Amino acid sequence: MKKQIEKILLSETGIYHGSVNMPKDWHIDKETLVKDITISNYYEDVSYPFSKTWDMLKVYVSDFMRLEYGIDLTIKKTYGVFFEKNEISKPKLEIDMSNLNNSADFVCIYGVEIDKDTCNATILYDDNRKKGLSWTIPIETNKFIMFPASQQYYITNLKNSFLNFIQIMTFTFPPQQDGRYKTIK
């Protein structure tokens, strides 16, 4: 019997999160990332440096998304931030509304060094007529959160005793030869 009513999914807002579990004898050297974040934030003329540790993290996240969810991603930009006690970031949007063709598709928040139970990411979204909704998820050391770059978000730090260090990476879908973007199925 043929179905009379079909469903087509037009849009979906997925939040991907998990631990960074590196292979044996490989590890994320958080001291290197903390140093790079600190230096690039204190000195205006120093951009975020390339490091083997950062490259391993980038490859892990992009390979994870490709293998687990069939989403092929290319790194667009990366930067690090740190937060003092009880600091809350301004709402952030990782796409450029005036240049959507050259904007990021996904944003990844990675907890480099986080004081336990003190840091959260809040992602703002709409669900049809339900406007102004939010989803809050903890940011933890060696864990990542990834979501569409079109979603506004902010980071809260409450009662942290130490600085919380976070790595932000944005990704794009690689263009096909015809200029369109595609995910792997």
C-alpha atoms as a PDB file:
ATOM      1  CA  MET A   1       0.000   0.000   0.000  1.00  0.00           C
ATOM      2  CA  LYS A   2       1.394   3.378  -1.006  1.00  0.00           C
ATOM      3  CA  LYS A   3       1.723   6.158   1.581  1.00  0.00           C
ATOM      4  CA  GLN A   4      -0.669   9.004   1.005  1.00  0.00           C
ATOM      5  CA  ILE A   5       1.189  11.545   3.120  1.00  0.00           C
ATOM      6  CA  GLU A   6       4.939  12.060   2.943  1.00  0.00           C
ATOM      7  CA  LYS A   7       7.178  14.021   5.306  1.00  0.00           C
ATOM      8  CA  ILE A   8      10.083  16.138   4.082  1.00  0.00           C
ATOM      9  CA  LEU A   9      12.449  17.620   6.650  1.00  0.00           C
ATOM     10  CA  LEU A  10      13.330  21.160   5.563  1.00  0.00           C
ATOM     11  CA  SER A  11      15.457  22.243   8.475  1.00  0.00           C
ATOM     12  CA  GLU A  12      17.149  20.786  11.499  1.00  0.00           C
ATOM     13  CA  THR A  13      19.253  22.364  14.231  1.00  0.00           C
ATOM     14  CA  GLY A  14      21.612  19.712  15.547  1.00  0.00           C
ATOM     15  CA  ILE A  15      23.943  20.095  18.494  1.00  0.00           C
ATOM     16  CA  TYR A  16      26.814  17.613  18.504  1.00  0.00           C
ATOM     17  CA  HIS A  17      28.881  17.118  21.638  1.00  0.00           C
ATOM     18  CA  GLY A  18      31.301  14.643  23.114  1.00  0.00           C
ATOM     19  CA  SER A  19      34.727  13.906  24.492  1.00  0.00           C
ATOM     20  CA  VAL A  20      37.933  14.103  22.503  1.00  0.00           C
ATOM     21  CA  ASN A  21      39.271  10.561  22.864  1.00  0.00           C
ATOM     22  CA  MET A  22      42.603  10.542  21.073  1.00  0.00           C
ATOM     23  CA  PRO A  23      44.231   7.282  19.919  1.00  0.00           C
ATOM     24  CA  LYS A  24      46.813   5.557  22.103  1.00  0.00           C
ATOM     25  CA  ASP A  25      50.068   7.536  22.524  1.00  0.00           C
ATOM     26  CA  TRP A  26      48.398  10.750  21.276  1.00  0.00           C
ATOM     27  CA  HIS A  27      47.052  13.423  23.559  1.00  0.00           C
ATOM     28  CA  ILE A  28      45.910  17.021  23.451  1.00  0.00           C
ATOM     29  CA  ASP A  29      48.601  19.082  25.160  1.00  0.00           C
ATOM     30  CA  LYS A  30      46.395  21.600  26.933  1.00  0.00           C
ATOM     31  CA  GLU A  31      49.419  23.584  28.173  1.00  0.00           C
ATOM     32  CA  THR A  32      50.311  24.438  24.557  1.00  0.00           C
ATOM     33  CA  LEU A  33      46.747  25.558  23.810  1.00  0.00           C
ATOM     34  CA  VAL A  34      46.553  27.621  27.034  1.00  0.00           C
ATOM     35  CA  LYS A  35      49.849  29.343  26.149  1.00  0.00           C
ATOM     36  CA  ASP A  36      48.695  30.054  22.578  1.00  0.00           C
ATOM     37  CA  ILE A  37      45.329  31.423  23.760  1.00  0.00           C
ATOM     38  CA  THR A  38      47.001  33.657  26.347  1.00  0.00           C
ATOM     39  CA  ILE A  39      49.611  35.088  23.986  1.00  0.00           C
ATOM     40  CA  SER A  40      47.166  35.715  21.134  1.00  0.00           C
ATOM     41  CA  ASN A  41      44.761  37.514  23.508  1.00  0.00           C
ATOM     42  CA  TYR A  42      47.351  39.693  25.267  1.00  0.00           C
ATOM     43  CA  TYR A  43      49.187  40.913  22.174  1.00  0.00           C
ATOM     44  CA  GLU A  44      47.235  42.513  19.331  1.00  0.00           C
ATOM     45  CA  ASP A  45      49.939  41.861  16.746  1.00  0.00           C
ATOM     46  CA  VAL A  46      50.141  38.109  17.500  1.00  0.00           C
ATOM     47  CA  SER A  47      47.626  35.925  15.707  1.00  0.00           C
ATOM     48  CA  TYR A  48      46.676  32.473  16.945  1.00  0.00           C
ATOM     49  CA  PRO A  49      49.672  30.257  16.088  1.00  0.00           C
ATOM     50  CA  PHE A  50      49.627  26.902  14.346  1.00  0.00           C
ATOM     51  CA  SER A  51      50.643  24.020  16.586  1.00  0.00           C
ATOM     52  CA  LYS A  52      50.683  20.240  16.320  1.00  0.00           C
ATOM     53  CA  THR A  53      48.259  20.072  19.259  1.00  0.00           C
ATOM     54  CA  TRP A  54      45.768  22.420  17.594  1.00  0.00           C
ATOM     55  CA  ASP A  55      46.073  20.462  14.327  1.00  0.00           C
ATOM     56  CA  MET A  56      45.362  17.150  16.123  1.00  0.00           C
ATOM     57  CA  LEU A  57      42.250  18.674  17.715  1.00  0.00           C
ATOM     58  CA  LYS A  58      41.006  20.086  14.389  1.00  0.00           C
ATOM     59  CA  VAL A  59      41.561  16.747  12.614  1.00  0.00           C
ATOM     60  CA  TYR A  60      39.867  14.819  15.426  1.00  0.00           C
ATOM     61  CA  VAL A  61      36.722  16.976  15.324  1.00  0.00           C
ATOM     62  CA  SER A  62      36.444  17.058  11.509  1.00  0.00           C
ATOM     63  CA  ASP A  63      37.097  13.289  11.229  1.00  0.00           C
ATOM     64  CA  PHE A  64      34.568  12.594  14.000  1.00  0.00           C
ATOM     65  CA  MET A  65      31.877  14.554  12.151  1.00  0.00           C
ATOM     66  CA  ARG A  66      32.711  12.828   8.862  1.00  0.00           C
ATOM     67  CA  LEU A  67      32.733   9.291  10.296  1.00  0.00           C
ATOM     68  CA  GLU A  68      29.859   9.548  12.777  1.00  0.00           C
ATOM     69  CA  TYR A  69      27.449  11.858  10.944  1.00  0.00           C
ATOM     70  CA  GLY A  70      28.602  12.002   7.313  1.00  0.00           C
ATOM     71  CA  ILE A  71      29.314  15.731   7.523  1.00  0.00           C
ATOM     72  CA  ASP A  72      32.451  16.754   5.638  1.00  0.00           C
ATOM     73  CA  LEU A  73      33.982  19.937   7.087  1.00  0.00           C
ATOM     74  CA  THR A  74      36.932  22.231   6.369  1.00  0.00           C
ATOM     75  CA  ILE A  75      38.410  24.565   8.986  1.00  0.00           C
ATOM     76  CA  LYS A  76      37.654  28.258   8.403  1.00  0.00           C
ATOM     77  CA  LYS A  77      39.017  30.062  11.452  1.00  0.00           C
ATOM     78  CA  THR A  78      40.182  29.392  14.981  1.00  0.00           C
ATOM     79  CA  TYR A  79      40.794  31.482  18.056  1.00  0.00           C
ATOM     80  CA  GLY A  80      41.032  31.013  21.769  1.00  0.00           C
ATOM     81  CA  VAL A  81      39.380  32.866  24.627  1.00  0.00           C
ATOM     82  CA  PHE A  82      39.634  32.811  28.391  1.00  0.00           C
ATOM     83  CA  PHE A  83      37.165  33.895  31.032  1.00  0.00           C
ATOM     84  CA  GLU A  84      37.684  35.289  34.482  1.00  0.00           C
ATOM     85  CA  LYS A  85      35.488  34.558  37.496  1.00  0.00           C
ATOM     86  CA  ASN A  86      31.766  35.176  36.868  1.00  0.00           C
ATOM     87  CA  GLU A  87      32.419  36.527  33.362  1.00  0.00           C
ATOM     88  CA  ILE A  88      29.668  36.178  30.754  1.00  0.00           C
ATOM     89  CA  SER A  89      30.410  36.705  27.082  1.00  0.00           C
ATOM     90  CA  LYS A  90      28.365  38.929  24.839  1.00  0.00           C
ATOM     91  CA  PRO A  91      26.077  36.989  22.493  1.00  0.00           C
ATOM     92  CA  LYS A  92      28.139  35.763  19.540  1.00  0.00           C
ATOM     93  CA  LEU A  93      27.222  34.881  15.985  1.00  0.00           C
ATOM     94  CA  GLU A  94      29.942  33.209  13.928  1.00  0.00           C
ATOM     95  CA  ILE A  95      28.488  34.051  10.509  1.00  0.00           C
ATOM     96  CA  ASP A  96      28.804  37.321   8.637  1.00  0.00           C
ATOM     97  CA  MET A  97      25.224  38.326   7.790  1.00  0.00           C
ATOM     98  CA  SER A  98      26.469  40.610   5.006  1.00  0.00           C
ATOM     99  CA  ASN A  99      28.547  37.842   3.386  1.00  0.00           C
ATOM    100  CA  LEU A 100      26.763  34.523   3.906  1.00  0.00           C
ATOM    101  CA  ASN A 101      28.529  32.809   0.983  1.00  0.00           C
ATOM    102  CA  ASN A 102      31.882  33.139   2.745  1.00  0.00           C
ATOM    103  CA  SER A 103      30.632  32.483   6.269  1.00  0.00           C
ATOM    104  CA  ALA A 104      31.145  29.495   8.532  1.00  0.00           C
ATOM    105  CA  ASP A 105      28.641  26.630   8.601  1.00  0.00           C
ATOM    106  CA  PHE A 106      29.474  25.205  12.037  1.00  0.00           C
ATOM    107  CA  VAL A 107      31.061  26.472  15.228  1.00  0.00           C
ATOM    108  CA  CYS A 108      32.901  24.186  17.637  1.00  0.00           C
ATOM    109  CA  ILE A 109      33.565  25.087  21.274  1.00  0.00           C
ATOM    110  CA  TYR A 110      36.310  23.009  22.902  1.00  0.00           C
ATOM    111  CA  GLY A 111      37.037  23.134  26.632  1.00  0.00           C
ATOM    112  CA  VAL A 112      40.822  23.398  26.878  1.00  0.00           C
ATOM    113  CA  GLU A 113      41.032  23.881  30.634  1.00  0.00           C
ATOM    114  CA  ILE A 114      37.789  24.423  32.536  1.00  0.00           C
ATOM    115  CA  ASP A 115      37.272  24.735  36.282  1.00  0.00           C
ATOM    116  CA  LYS A 116      34.822  21.891  37.047  1.00  0.00           C
ATOM    117  CA  ASP A 117      31.077  22.737  36.944  1.00  0.00           C
ATOM    118  CA  THR A 118      31.585  26.466  36.275  1.00  0.00           C
ATOM    119  CA  CYS A 119      31.196  27.006  32.523  1.00  0.00           C
ATOM    120  CA  ASN A 120      28.240  26.691  30.131  1.00  0.00           C
ATOM    121  CA  ALA A 121      27.375  27.487  26.530  1.00  0.00           C
ATOM    122  CA  THR A 122      23.845  28.711  25.881  1.00  0.00           C
ATOM    123  CA  ILE A 123      22.632  28.332  22.310  1.00  0.00           C
ATOM    124  CA  LEU A 124      19.713  30.503  21.225  1.00  0.00           C
ATOM    125  CA  TYR A 125      17.203  29.209  18.652  1.00  0.00           C
ATOM    126  CA  ASP A 126      13.641  29.423  17.351  1.00  0.00           C
ATOM    127  CA  ASP A 127      11.264  26.507  16.781  1.00  0.00           C
ATOM    128  CA  ASN A 128       8.655  27.716  14.309  1.00  0.00           C
ATOM    129  CA  ARG A 129       6.317  29.999  16.296  1.00  0.00           C
ATOM    130  CA  LYS A 130       8.191  29.358  19.541  1.00  0.00           C
ATOM    131  CA  LYS A 131      10.720  32.188  19.550  1.00  0.00           C
ATOM    132  CA  GLY A 132      13.609  33.002  21.850  1.00  0.00           C
ATOM    133  CA  LEU A 133      14.309  29.466  23.044  1.00  0.00           C
ATOM    134  CA  SER A 134      17.659  28.431  24.483  1.00  0.00           C
ATOM    135  CA  TRP A 135      19.588  25.272  25.233  1.00  0.00           C
ATOM    136  CA  THR A 136      22.339  25.305  27.862  1.00  0.00           C
ATOM    137  CA  ILE A 137      25.081  22.692  27.836  1.00  0.00           C
ATOM    138  CA  PRO A 138      28.124  22.468  30.128  1.00  0.00           C
ATOM    139  CA  ILE A 139      31.585  23.158  28.721  1.00  0.00           C
ATOM    140  CA  GLU A 140      34.074  20.717  30.223  1.00  0.00           C
ATOM    141  CA  THR A 141      37.788  20.052  29.857  1.00  0.00           C
ATOM    142  CA  ASN A 142      38.566  17.930  26.770  1.00  0.00           C
ATOM    143  CA  LYS A 143      34.961  18.007  25.511  1.00  0.00           C
ATOM    144  CA  PHE A 144      33.490  19.780  22.521  1.00  0.00           C
ATOM    145  CA  ILE A 145      30.144  21.227  21.460  1.00  0.00           C
ATOM    146  CA  MET A 146      29.382  21.796  17.782  1.00  0.00           C
ATOM    147  CA  PHE A 147      26.337  23.483  16.248  1.00  0.00           C
ATOM    148  CA  PRO A 148      25.329  25.564  13.209  1.00  0.00           C
ATOM    149  CA  ALA A 149      27.169  28.882  12.998  1.00  0.00           C
ATOM    150  CA  SER A 150      23.840  30.596  12.290  1.00  0.00           C
ATOM    151  CA  GLN A 151      22.835  30.058  15.934  1.00  0.00           C
ATOM    152  CA  GLN A 152      23.654  32.841  18.349  1.00  0.00           C
ATOM    153  CA  TYR A 153      25.337  31.724  21.580  1.00  0.00           C
ATOM    154  CA  TYR A 154      27.015  33.005  24.706  1.00  0.00           C
ATOM    155  CA  ILE A 155      29.293  31.552  27.367  1.00  0.00           C
ATOM    156  CA  THR A 156      28.751  31.896  31.111  1.00  0.00           C
ATOM    157  CA  ASN A 157      31.321  31.345  33.833  1.00  0.00           C
ATOM    158  CA  LEU A 158      29.995  31.158  37.365  1.00  0.00           C
ATOM    159  CA  LYS A 159      32.097  30.813  40.490  1.00  0.00           C
ATOM    160  CA  ASN A 160      35.216  29.640  38.668  1.00  0.00           C
ATOM    161  CA  SER A 161      38.342  29.809  40.826  1.00  0.00           C
ATOM    162  CA  PHE A 162      40.702  29.737  37.828  1.00  0.00           C
ATOM    163  CA  LEU A 163      40.593  31.104  34.295  1.00  0.00           C
ATOM    164  CA  ASN A 164      38.505  28.990  31.908  1.00  0.00           C
ATOM    165  CA  PHE A 165      40.281  28.486  28.552  1.00  0.00           C
ATOM    166  CA  ILE A 166      38.184  27.717  25.464  1.00  0.00           C
ATOM    167  CA  GLN A 167      39.174  27.012  21.859  1.00  0.00           C
ATOM    168  CA  ILE A 168      36.682  28.179  19.199  1.00  0.00           C
ATOM    169  CA  MET A 169      36.864  26.699  15.702  1.00  0.00           C
ATOM    170  CA  THR A 170      34.593  27.460  12.766  1.00  0.00           C
ATOM    171  CA  PHE A 171      34.099  25.072   9.864  1.00  0.00           C
ATOM    172  CA  THR A 172      32.605  25.239   6.382  1.00  0.00           C
ATOM    173  CA  PHE A 173      31.324  22.600   4.008  1.00  0.00           C
ATOM    174  CA  PRO A 174      33.874  22.177   1.222  1.00  0.00           C
ATOM    175  CA  PRO A 175      32.419  23.370  -2.106  1.00  0.00           C
ATOM    176  CA  GLN A 176      31.733  20.877  -4.860  1.00  0.00           C
ATOM    177  CA  GLN A 177      32.989  21.520  -8.380  1.00  0.00           C
ATOM    178  CA  ASP A 178      29.633  23.071  -9.258  1.00  0.00           C
ATOM    179  CA  GLY A 179      30.036  25.542  -6.346  1.00  0.00           C
ATOM    180  CA  ARG A 180      27.323  23.996  -4.154  1.00  0.00           C
ATOM    181  CA  TYR A 181      27.850  22.475  -0.714  1.00  0.00           C
ATOM    182  CA  LYS A 182      27.049  18.912   0.213  1.00  0.00           C
ATOM    183  CA  THR A 183      27.239  16.497   3.130  1.00  0.00           C
ATOM    184  CA  ILE A 184      28.256  12.868   2.729  1.00  0.00           C
ATOM    185  CA  LYS A 185      25.428  10.342   3.055  1.00  0.00           C
END
